[in-house]
Protein backbone atom coordinates (compact mmCIF):
# COMPACT_ATOMS: atom_id res chain seq x y z
CA MET A 1 12.21 8.51 4.84
CA SER A 2 11.53 11.57 5.64
CA SER A 3 7.39 11.81 5.25
CA VAL A 4 3.62 10.32 4.53
CA THR A 5 1.37 12.12 2.98
CA ILE A 6 -2.51 10.47 2.96
CA THR A 7 -4.90 11.55 0.59
CA ASN A 8 -8.66 9.88 1.38
CA ARG A 9 -10.66 9.93 -1.31
CA ALA A 10 -12.38 6.25 0.37
CA TYR A 11 -16.33 7.02 1.30
CA SER A 12 -16.71 3.45 2.30
CA ARG A 13 -14.39 4.82 5.47
CA ARG A 14 -12.82 7.22 7.29
CA LEU A 15 -8.90 6.05 8.19
CA ASP A 16 -7.08 8.29 11.53
CA GLY A 17 -3.96 8.97 9.25
CA ARG A 18 -2.54 10.65 12.58
CA ARG A 19 -2.54 7.61 14.08
CA LEU A 20 -1.16 5.23 11.28
CA LYS A 21 1.35 7.48 9.55
CA PRO A 22 3.54 6.64 12.84
CA ARG A 23 2.64 3.16 11.52
CA ILE A 24 2.80 3.35 7.91
CA ARG A 25 6.63 5.42 8.42
CA ASN A 26 7.83 2.40 10.00
CA ILE A 27 6.59 0.25 7.49
CA ALA A 28 8.41 1.74 4.72
CA ALA A 29 11.67 2.66 7.15
CA ALA A 30 11.64 -1.29 7.48
CA ALA A 31 11.26 -1.62 4.03
CA GLY A 32 14.22 0.55 3.25
CA LEU A 33 12.14 2.92 1.35
CA LYS A 34 13.97 6.56 1.25
CA GLY A 35 12.72 9.67 0.36
CA ALA A 36 9.19 10.97 1.20
CA LEU A 37 5.21 8.74 0.59
CA SER A 38 2.16 9.20 -0.83
CA LEU A 39 -0.37 7.44 0.42
CA VAL A 40 -3.95 7.01 -1.35
CA LEU A 41 -6.83 5.65 -0.01
CA VAL A 42 -9.37 5.07 -2.59
CA ASP A 43 -12.66 2.96 -2.94
CA ASP A 44 -13.53 0.03 -6.02
CA ARG A 45 -14.87 2.01 -8.27
CA GLU A 46 -11.56 4.75 -8.83
CA MET A 47 -9.13 1.90 -8.33
CA HIS A 48 -11.28 -0.13 -11.31
CA ASP A 49 -10.31 2.88 -13.21
CA LEU A 50 -6.65 3.34 -12.50
CA ASN A 51 -6.28 -0.61 -13.06
CA ARG A 52 -7.75 -0.40 -16.21
CA ARG A 53 -6.08 3.20 -17.21
CA PHE A 54 -2.39 2.06 -15.90
CA LEU A 55 -1.72 -1.56 -15.94
CA ASP A 56 -5.13 -2.27 -19.09
CA HIS A 57 -6.41 -4.08 -16.24
CA ASP A 58 -10.81 -4.98 -16.33
CA ASP A 59 -11.10 -4.92 -12.70
CA THR A 60 -11.09 -4.01 -9.74
CA THR A 61 -7.11 -4.55 -7.00
CA ASP A 62 -6.03 -3.62 -3.87
CA VAL A 63 -2.92 -2.08 -3.94
CA LEU A 64 -1.29 -0.34 -7.28
CA ALA A 65 2.21 1.21 -6.42
CA PHE A 66 3.89 3.89 -8.81
CA PRO A 67 7.33 4.32 -8.59
CA TYR A 68 8.97 7.88 -9.20
CA ASP A 69 12.14 7.13 -11.81
CA GLU A 70 14.16 10.09 -10.40
CA GLU A 71 12.81 11.61 -6.48
CA THR A 72 10.17 14.15 -7.29
CA ASP A 73 10.48 17.61 -4.36
CA GLY A 74 11.82 13.94 -1.95
CA LEU A 75 9.04 11.76 -3.21
CA CYS A 76 9.81 8.66 -4.77
CA GLY A 77 6.74 7.37 -4.86
CA GLU A 78 2.45 6.85 -4.30
CA VAL A 79 0.46 3.92 -3.12
CA VAL A 80 -2.92 3.81 -4.16
CA VAL A 81 -5.06 1.50 -1.76
CA CYS A 82 -8.48 -0.19 -1.98
CA VAL A 83 -10.16 0.67 1.51
CA GLU A 84 -13.22 -1.25 0.16
CA THR A 85 -11.30 -4.62 -1.19
CA ALA A 86 -9.67 -3.92 2.40
CA LEU A 87 -12.67 -4.13 4.04
CA ARG A 88 -14.21 -6.54 2.22
CA GLU A 89 -10.58 -9.04 2.06
CA ALA A 90 -10.68 -8.58 5.88
CA ALA A 91 -14.49 -9.78 6.91
CA GLU A 92 -13.14 -12.74 4.64
CA ARG A 93 -10.07 -13.97 6.32
CA GLU A 94 -11.41 -12.90 9.32
CA ARG A 95 -8.60 -10.18 10.11
CA SER A 96 -9.05 -6.99 11.40
CA PHE A 97 -9.65 -4.54 8.71
CA GLU A 98 -6.46 -2.56 9.99
CA SER A 99 -3.73 -5.88 9.38
CA GLU A 100 -5.71 -5.84 5.94
CA PHE A 101 -5.11 -2.64 5.55
CA LEU A 102 -1.13 -2.23 6.46
CA LEU A 103 -0.78 -5.36 4.39
CA TYR A 104 -1.84 -3.54 1.67
CA VAL A 105 0.15 -0.59 2.59
CA ALA A 106 3.33 -2.79 2.95
CA HIS A 107 3.33 -4.44 -0.23
CA GLY A 108 2.61 -1.39 -1.89
CA ILE A 109 6.14 -0.21 -0.39
CA LEU A 110 7.59 -3.03 -1.36
CA HIS A 111 7.06 -2.31 -4.98
CA LEU A 112 8.13 1.10 -4.41
CA THR A 113 11.28 -0.94 -3.29
CA GLY A 114 11.50 -2.58 -6.25
CA MET A 115 10.48 -6.16 -5.32
CA GLU A 116 7.93 -7.42 -8.14
CA ASP A 117 5.04 -10.33 -7.49
CA HIS A 118 4.58 -11.58 -11.53
CA THR A 119 6.24 -15.01 -10.22
CA ARG A 120 5.66 -17.51 -7.96
CA SER A 121 8.64 -17.16 -6.77
CA GLY A 122 8.32 -13.00 -6.83
CA ARG A 123 4.87 -13.62 -4.85
CA LYS A 124 6.39 -15.94 -1.77
CA LYS A 125 9.09 -13.53 -0.95
CA MET A 126 7.12 -10.39 -1.22
CA GLN A 127 4.70 -11.98 1.22
CA ALA A 128 7.77 -13.49 3.02
CA ALA A 129 9.01 -9.87 3.77
CA ALA A 130 5.56 -8.53 4.15
CA ASP A 131 5.11 -10.59 6.90
CA ALA A 132 8.49 -9.83 8.21
CA ILE A 133 7.52 -6.11 8.19
CA LEU A 134 4.43 -6.21 9.64
CA GLU A 135 6.01 -8.51 12.57
CA GLN A 136 8.09 -5.60 13.99
CA PRO A 137 7.58 -3.43 16.73
CA GLY A 138 5.67 -0.13 15.67
CA VAL A 139 4.31 -1.10 12.53
């Protein structure tokens, strides 16, 4: 994996991209992602708009992944994470924001590698893969 670009358009919480990039690179490498990754951080309103525009779902969601058919300038895809959803879910699940956020990143990256979660068995496989990645050193 060559690089991670982080674009933070979320106003609900600012994140330290320099501190997170090595962890995100490790997640991507553990997932087997080839090429560069674009990670975009948004709030509920923008995520709702993206979810409606690309999936025709009229609500917000935690993460969206947009794999590219072919690498574009070495970029293999884009993961969009909703920071406000991560903040809410972390509080509800009584876990840290960072662990919830990294779970969404791992989930999105797994989508870029071809994993799907449209079925119960797919969701179980994806959750197990995300958990295994997040338990690795450096993540």
